[in-house]
Protein backbone atom coordinates (compact mmCIF):
# COMPACT_ATOMS: atom_id res chain seq x y z
CA MET A 1 29.65 -72.60 -89.72
CA ARG A 2 26.28 -72.41 -89.53
CA THR A 3 26.78 -73.09 -85.11
CA LEU A 4 29.56 -70.76 -84.74
CA ARG A 5 28.16 -67.83 -86.70
CA CYS A 6 25.13 -68.36 -84.43
CA GLY A 7 27.46 -68.25 -81.01
CA PHE A 8 29.46 -65.57 -82.46
CA LEU A 9 26.23 -63.03 -82.64
CA VAL A 10 25.08 -64.34 -79.23
CA MET A 11 28.07 -63.11 -77.51
CA ALA A 12 28.23 -59.92 -79.53
CA ILE A 13 24.29 -59.52 -78.49
CA CYS A 14 25.53 -59.56 -74.80
CA PHE A 15 28.77 -57.76 -74.68
CA ALA A 16 26.25 -55.57 -76.69
CA ARG A 17 24.08 -55.22 -73.24
CA MET A 18 27.46 -55.44 -71.26
CA ALA A 19 28.60 -52.44 -72.58
CA ALA A 20 24.45 -50.68 -72.91
CA GLY A 21 24.98 -51.44 -68.84
CA GLN A 22 22.87 -53.98 -69.43
CA ALA A 23 24.69 -57.13 -67.69
CA ILE A 24 22.96 -60.92 -67.69
CA LEU A 25 23.46 -62.02 -64.75
CA PRO A 26 22.85 -65.95 -64.54
CA PRO A 27 19.96 -66.20 -61.93
CA GLU A 28 20.85 -66.86 -58.51
CA THR A 29 19.34 -69.23 -55.76
CA HIS A 30 16.12 -69.11 -53.88
CA ASN A 31 17.98 -72.03 -51.87
CA ALA A 32 18.77 -70.17 -48.46
CA ALA A 33 20.93 -73.13 -47.54
CA LEU A 34 22.92 -72.79 -50.26
CA ARG A 35 23.80 -69.01 -48.87
CA TYR A 36 23.86 -70.64 -45.74
CA TRP A 37 26.88 -72.82 -46.28
CA LEU A 38 28.76 -69.87 -47.95
CA ALA A 39 28.13 -68.24 -44.69
CA PHE A 40 29.43 -70.76 -43.41
CA ALA A 41 33.08 -71.10 -44.91
CA GLU A 42 33.45 -67.39 -43.99
CA LEU A 43 33.36 -67.83 -40.39
CA GLN A 44 36.63 -67.12 -38.04
CA ASP A 45 36.78 -69.47 -35.02
CA PRO A 46 36.81 -67.13 -31.42
CA PRO A 47 39.47 -67.74 -29.20
CA ALA A 48 39.08 -71.11 -27.74
CA ASP A 49 39.49 -70.23 -23.56
CA LYS A 50 37.50 -70.27 -21.86
CA ASP A 51 37.04 -67.00 -20.03
CA THR A 52 36.10 -65.41 -23.94
CA GLN A 53 33.44 -68.27 -24.55
CA GLU A 54 31.89 -68.22 -21.97
CA LEU A 55 31.75 -64.06 -22.01
CA LEU A 56 30.64 -64.05 -25.55
CA GLU A 57 27.66 -66.77 -24.42
CA LYS A 58 26.76 -65.03 -21.27
CA THR A 59 26.39 -61.27 -22.68
CA ALA A 60 24.37 -62.98 -25.95
CA ALA A 61 21.66 -64.15 -23.23
CA GLY A 62 21.62 -60.59 -22.20
CA ALA A 63 23.17 -62.03 -18.76
CA VAL A 64 26.09 -58.99 -18.77
CA PRO A 65 26.57 -56.25 -21.22
CA TRP A 66 28.40 -55.00 -24.46
CA ASP A 67 32.56 -55.45 -24.01
CA GLU A 68 33.43 -53.58 -27.28
CA ALA A 69 37.11 -54.63 -26.13
CA ARG A 70 37.24 -57.57 -26.03
CA LEU A 71 33.79 -58.57 -28.57
CA GLY A 72 34.15 -56.03 -30.78
CA PRO A 73 37.64 -58.07 -32.85
CA ILE A 74 35.74 -61.13 -32.95
CA LEU A 75 32.56 -59.71 -34.34
CA GLU A 76 34.83 -57.25 -36.76
CA SER A 77 36.57 -60.99 -38.30
CA ASN A 78 33.35 -62.23 -39.25
CA GLU A 79 31.06 -59.85 -40.68
CA ALA A 80 32.19 -61.37 -44.07
CA ALA A 81 29.98 -64.16 -42.26
CA ILE A 82 27.13 -61.96 -40.52
CA LEU A 83 26.53 -60.59 -43.71
CA ALA A 84 26.01 -63.52 -45.67
CA MET A 85 23.60 -64.40 -43.21
CA HIS A 86 21.72 -61.48 -43.69
CA ARG A 87 21.82 -61.87 -46.89
CA ALA A 88 20.13 -65.53 -47.15
CA THR A 89 17.46 -65.30 -44.50
CA LYS A 90 15.58 -63.12 -47.02
CA LEU A 91 15.55 -65.81 -49.64
CA PRO A 92 12.45 -67.74 -49.61
CA GLU A 93 13.21 -71.46 -49.31
CA CYS A 94 15.55 -73.62 -46.93
CA ASP A 95 16.64 -76.79 -47.78
CA TRP A 96 19.61 -78.18 -46.57
CA GLY A 97 20.31 -81.63 -47.96
CA LEU A 98 18.96 -83.33 -45.40
CA GLU A 99 20.01 -87.34 -46.10
CA TYR A 100 16.41 -88.80 -44.12
CA SER A 101 16.83 -92.16 -45.51
CA ARG A 102 20.53 -92.79 -43.14
CA GLY A 103 18.04 -92.59 -40.36
CA PRO A 104 20.13 -91.97 -37.20
CA ARG A 105 23.67 -91.67 -39.32
CA ALA A 106 21.93 -88.37 -41.61
CA SER A 107 24.87 -85.84 -41.10
CA ILE A 108 23.78 -82.76 -39.21
CA ALA A 109 27.56 -80.98 -40.31
CA TYR A 110 25.94 -77.57 -40.05
CA ALA A 111 24.57 -77.40 -37.13
CA PRO A 112 27.38 -76.52 -34.52
CA ARG A 113 28.77 -73.87 -37.24
CA ALA A 114 24.87 -72.72 -37.65
CA ARG A 115 24.86 -72.91 -33.44
CA VAL A 116 28.35 -70.02 -33.66
CA LEU A 117 27.07 -67.57 -36.81
CA ALA A 118 23.33 -67.42 -34.87
CA ARG A 119 25.64 -66.30 -31.55
CA LEU A 120 27.67 -63.86 -33.17
CA ASN A 121 24.70 -62.38 -35.23
CA THR A 122 23.08 -61.37 -31.95
CA LEU A 123 25.85 -59.97 -30.49
CA TYR A 124 26.04 -57.82 -33.99
CA GLY A 125 23.04 -56.25 -33.42
CA MET A 126 23.61 -55.88 -29.77
CA ARG A 127 27.62 -54.29 -31.32
CA LEU A 128 25.27 -52.42 -33.46
CA ALA A 129 22.63 -50.76 -30.52
CA ALA A 130 25.71 -50.14 -27.45
CA LYS A 131 27.18 -47.76 -30.81
CA GLY A 132 23.47 -45.86 -31.01
CA ASP A 133 22.29 -47.33 -33.91
CA SER A 134 18.95 -48.62 -32.89
CA GLN A 135 17.45 -49.71 -36.60
CA GLN A 136 20.02 -51.56 -37.98
CA ALA A 137 20.26 -53.30 -34.15
CA VAL A 138 17.11 -54.49 -34.61
CA GLU A 139 17.32 -55.83 -38.74
CA ALA A 140 19.27 -57.91 -36.94
CA TRP A 141 17.67 -59.36 -34.67
CA LEU A 142 15.45 -60.30 -36.53
CA ASP A 143 17.34 -61.48 -38.91
CA GLY A 144 18.32 -64.11 -36.53
CA LEU A 145 14.53 -64.40 -35.86
CA ALA A 146 14.28 -65.38 -40.34
CA PHE A 147 17.78 -67.96 -39.23
CA SER A 148 15.64 -69.71 -37.01
CA GLN A 149 13.02 -70.27 -38.62
CA HIS A 150 15.32 -71.94 -41.45
CA MET A 151 17.67 -73.75 -38.84
CA ALA A 152 14.90 -75.58 -38.01
CA LYS A 153 13.79 -76.38 -41.40
CA GLY A 154 13.12 -79.90 -42.43
CA GLY A 155 14.89 -80.51 -39.20
CA THR A 156 14.69 -83.57 -36.77
CA LEU A 157 14.08 -82.06 -32.82
CA ILE A 158 18.08 -81.44 -32.58
CA PHE A 159 17.87 -79.03 -34.95
CA SER A 160 14.51 -77.51 -33.83
CA LEU A 161 16.45 -77.28 -29.88
CA ILE A 162 19.39 -75.75 -31.32
CA ALA A 163 17.33 -73.31 -33.72
CA LYS A 164 15.56 -72.10 -30.19
CA MET A 165 18.75 -70.54 -29.14
CA SER A 166 19.38 -68.40 -31.62
CA LEU A 167 15.73 -67.31 -31.19
CA LEU A 168 15.36 -66.55 -27.75
CA SER A 169 19.01 -64.70 -27.75
CA ASN A 170 17.09 -62.75 -30.37
CA LEU A 171 13.81 -61.72 -28.35
CA VAL A 172 15.70 -60.95 -25.13
CA ALA A 173 18.03 -58.59 -27.10
CA LEU A 174 15.07 -56.94 -28.76
CA GLN A 175 13.12 -57.15 -25.40
CA HIS A 176 16.00 -55.13 -23.23
CA ALA A 177 16.23 -53.14 -26.21
CA ALA A 178 12.76 -52.13 -25.52
CA SER A 179 12.70 -52.05 -22.08
CA GLU A 180 15.70 -49.93 -22.06
CA GLY A 181 13.68 -47.52 -24.57
CA LYS A 182 16.41 -47.03 -26.88
CA LEU A 183 13.21 -48.76 -29.47
CA SER A 184 11.23 -45.81 -31.85
CA ASN A 185 7.82 -46.80 -32.21
CA GLU A 186 8.68 -47.48 -35.52
CA GLU A 187 10.78 -49.92 -34.58
CA LYS A 188 8.80 -51.34 -32.23
CA LEU A 189 6.05 -52.19 -34.96
CA ARG A 190 8.75 -53.93 -37.28
CA ALA A 191 10.12 -55.40 -34.65
CA ALA A 192 6.30 -56.21 -33.40
CA SER A 193 5.18 -57.36 -37.11
CA SER A 194 8.12 -60.66 -37.15
CA VAL A 195 7.81 -61.66 -34.12
CA LYS A 196 4.24 -61.40 -33.72
CA ALA A 197 4.14 -63.56 -37.56
CA LEU A 198 6.77 -66.19 -35.86
CA PRO A 199 4.39 -69.49 -34.15
CA GLU A 200 4.06 -69.38 -31.08
CA SER A 201 6.05 -72.03 -29.25
CA GLY A 202 8.37 -70.92 -32.10
CA PHE A 203 8.77 -73.79 -34.45
CA ASP A 204 6.41 -76.16 -35.29
CA TRP A 205 6.88 -78.68 -33.26
CA GLY A 206 4.94 -81.72 -33.87
CA ALA A 207 6.65 -81.58 -37.51
CA ALA A 208 10.00 -81.94 -35.64
CA LEU A 209 8.74 -85.22 -33.64
CA ALA A 210 7.46 -86.54 -37.26
CA ARG A 211 10.60 -86.24 -38.67
CA GLU A 212 12.66 -87.67 -35.36
CA GLU A 213 9.97 -91.18 -35.93
CA GLN A 214 11.17 -91.31 -39.03
CA THR A 215 14.81 -91.18 -38.69
CA ILE A 216 13.21 -94.09 -35.72
CA GLU A 217 11.81 -96.52 -37.99
CA VAL A 218 14.95 -96.22 -40.10
CA ALA A 219 16.81 -97.11 -37.50
CA LEU A 220 13.76 -100.41 -36.91
CA ASP A 221 14.53 -101.01 -39.85
CA GLU A 222 18.29 -102.02 -39.69
CA LEU A 223 18.13 -103.10 -36.55
CA GLN A 224 15.60 -105.96 -37.74
CA ALA A 225 18.48 -106.59 -40.71
CA ALA A 226 21.42 -106.87 -38.72
CA LYS A 227 23.47 -109.59 -38.49
CA ASP A 228 23.62 -109.16 -34.93
CA ALA A 229 21.25 -106.55 -33.40
CA SER A 230 22.61 -106.86 -30.22
CA ASP A 231 25.87 -104.70 -31.48
CA TYR A 232 23.68 -102.87 -34.23
CA PHE A 233 22.36 -101.60 -30.29
CA ALA A 234 25.46 -100.81 -28.41
CA LYS A 235 27.06 -98.20 -31.86
CA VAL A 236 23.10 -96.81 -32.35
CA ILE A 237 22.48 -96.20 -28.96
CA GLY A 238 26.31 -95.98 -27.17
CA HIS A 239 26.11 -98.58 -25.14
CA ALA A 240 25.67 -101.94 -24.13
CA ALA A 241 22.33 -104.12 -25.43
CA PRO A 242 20.55 -105.66 -22.03
CA ALA A 243 21.56 -109.87 -22.87
CA ASP A 244 18.34 -111.25 -23.53
CA PHE A 245 17.87 -108.37 -26.51
CA VAL A 246 15.81 -109.35 -28.83
CA PRO A 247 14.79 -106.36 -31.89
CA PRO A 248 11.18 -105.07 -30.66
CA SER A 249 7.42 -107.78 -31.78
CA PRO A 250 5.02 -106.30 -34.34
CA ALA A 251 2.70 -105.21 -31.66
CA GLU A 252 5.85 -103.66 -29.53
CA THR A 253 6.54 -101.27 -32.85
CA ALA A 254 2.78 -100.97 -33.26
CA ALA A 255 2.52 -99.51 -29.46
CA PHE A 256 5.10 -97.06 -30.23
CA ARG A 257 4.07 -95.46 -33.75
CA SER A 258 1.34 -94.96 -31.65
CA LEU A 259 2.57 -93.01 -28.61
CA MET A 260 4.57 -91.18 -30.61
CA GLY A 261 1.48 -90.07 -33.22
CA LYS A 262 -0.29 -89.05 -30.31
CA ALA A 263 3.05 -87.03 -29.03
CA GLU A 264 3.29 -85.00 -32.22
CA SER A 265 -1.25 -84.15 -31.68
CA ALA A 266 -0.02 -82.53 -28.34
CA LEU A 267 2.74 -80.52 -30.33
CA ARG A 268 0.75 -78.82 -32.38
CA GLU A 269 -1.60 -78.01 -29.23
CA PRO A 270 -0.97 -74.97 -27.31
CA PRO A 271 1.89 -75.46 -24.52
CA GLU A 272 -0.68 -75.31 -21.35
CA GLN A 273 -2.35 -77.95 -23.18
CA ALA A 274 -0.40 -79.80 -24.18
CA SER A 275 0.98 -80.34 -20.33
CA ALA A 276 -0.90 -82.65 -18.93
CA LYS A 277 -0.77 -85.12 -22.18
CA LEU A 278 2.42 -85.47 -22.89
CA ALA A 279 2.64 -86.01 -19.22
CA ALA A 280 0.95 -88.85 -18.95
CA LEU A 281 2.72 -90.29 -22.43
CA GLN A 282 5.95 -89.33 -21.12
CA LYS A 283 4.49 -92.26 -18.25
CA GLU A 284 3.88 -94.61 -21.02
CA GLU A 285 6.46 -94.30 -22.90
CA LYS A 286 8.77 -96.22 -19.99
CA SER A 287 7.06 -99.32 -21.03
CA LEU A 288 8.06 -99.18 -24.37
CA HIS A 289 10.68 -102.05 -25.80
CA VAL A 290 13.87 -101.11 -24.48
CA PHE A 291 14.93 -100.08 -28.36
CA PHE A 292 12.51 -97.14 -29.07
CA ARG A 293 12.79 -96.52 -25.17
CA GLU A 294 16.46 -95.66 -25.73
CA MET A 295 15.08 -93.55 -29.17
CA ALA A 296 12.44 -92.06 -28.21
CA PRO A 297 12.58 -88.13 -27.09
CA GLY A 298 11.23 -86.44 -23.61
CA PHE A 299 8.52 -85.51 -24.31
CA THR A 300 7.84 -83.23 -21.13
CA LYS A 301 11.26 -81.13 -22.33
CA ILE A 302 10.22 -80.30 -25.34
CA ASN A 303 6.99 -79.24 -23.94
CA GLN A 304 9.26 -76.79 -21.66
CA SER A 305 11.07 -75.69 -24.44
CA ARG A 306 7.90 -75.07 -26.22
CA SER A 307 6.71 -72.68 -23.33
CA GLU A 308 9.58 -71.01 -22.60
CA ILE A 309 9.42 -69.98 -25.80
CA ALA A 310 5.51 -69.17 -25.99
CA ALA A 311 6.07 -66.93 -22.52
CA LEU A 312 9.19 -64.81 -23.62
CA ARG A 313 7.49 -64.30 -27.25
CA GLY A 314 4.07 -63.07 -25.64
CA SER A 315 5.93 -61.07 -22.86
CA LEU A 316 7.84 -59.57 -25.42
CA LEU A 317 4.69 -58.70 -27.61
CA LYS A 318 2.75 -57.21 -24.45
CA LEU A 319 5.91 -54.81 -24.30
CA LEU A 320 6.28 -53.61 -28.04
CA SER A 321 2.79 -52.58 -27.91
CA SER A 322 3.39 -50.80 -25.00
CA LYS A 323 3.55 -46.46 -25.35
C-alpha cells in the first residue's frame, strides 16, 4: 500500500505541474544519428524517371537554374524529412552505430538515404533563394555543411566520399548566391564563420583511412580463418582469386601496414604537400600481396577529392570576405 500511495503522489505532482503549464518531458537524445534515421523514414522517393533524376543532380550541382514547376512538388513532399534533418544537425554528437567488428560486411544501409536527403536539402535552399529568402537559404546550406560532417563521422572512406557530395553542393550553392550579390553582409559573415570552421579538406581523411585499414584487418583475419581462402577472396573482392592464391605472409602483411600508416600520415597534411608522397605510395601499392592490392583504396584519388574541397572552400572564403 505504501508503494501505491507513493505512486499516486508522484502522479499527482506531475499532473499539478502540467496543469501549471510546466509539463515534464523525458530527456531528448544528443545523438544526431537517431534523428537522421527519423528523417530518412520521412523521405518520399523522388520520381524515378531519368529526366527528373538528371534535373535533380544538375540543379543541386549548380549546373542549371531552379525549376519550381518540376522540382517544387518534390521538395514539398519531403519537407518534413528536410526539417527533421535541420533539427538533427544542431545536436552535439553523431554515432551511427557502425559494426566495425564485421569489417567489409558491416552495413552501410543509411548511406544511400543520406545522399538523397543531402541533395534535397541543397535544393531546398535553392528554392528559398529563388523566392527571395536568402537568410533561410543560407541556414539550409549551412545545415547541409553540418550534415556532411555528421555523415562522415566515424565512417570509412565511402562515407567521406558520400559526404563530399553534400559538402561540395552546399559550398557551390553559397558561392553562386554570393557571386550573384544575393547575400547581405550579415549572411556573408554567418556563412564565412561556418565555412572557416570546416577542416581545410573537408574531413579527417587520415582517420577515415585508418578505419578503412581496420576493415581490411578484419577481412584478413577472416581470410586466414577461412576453410577455402580462394572462395573467401572471391566473395569479398567480387571476382575469382588467382590460381596460385594463398593468404598473405607476415612479411607481406607488415608491408601493407607500413604503407597504410604512411598514407594515413600523408592525408593529415595539406593536399598540396601530400600529393607527391601519396603518388609514390600509390606506386608502392602495386608491389603488395594481391589481397591488399584489391582492398586498398586509391591514395591519389582521395587526395584529388581533398584538393577539390580545399580549393572551393578557399575561393568561397575569399568571395565571402569581399565587399
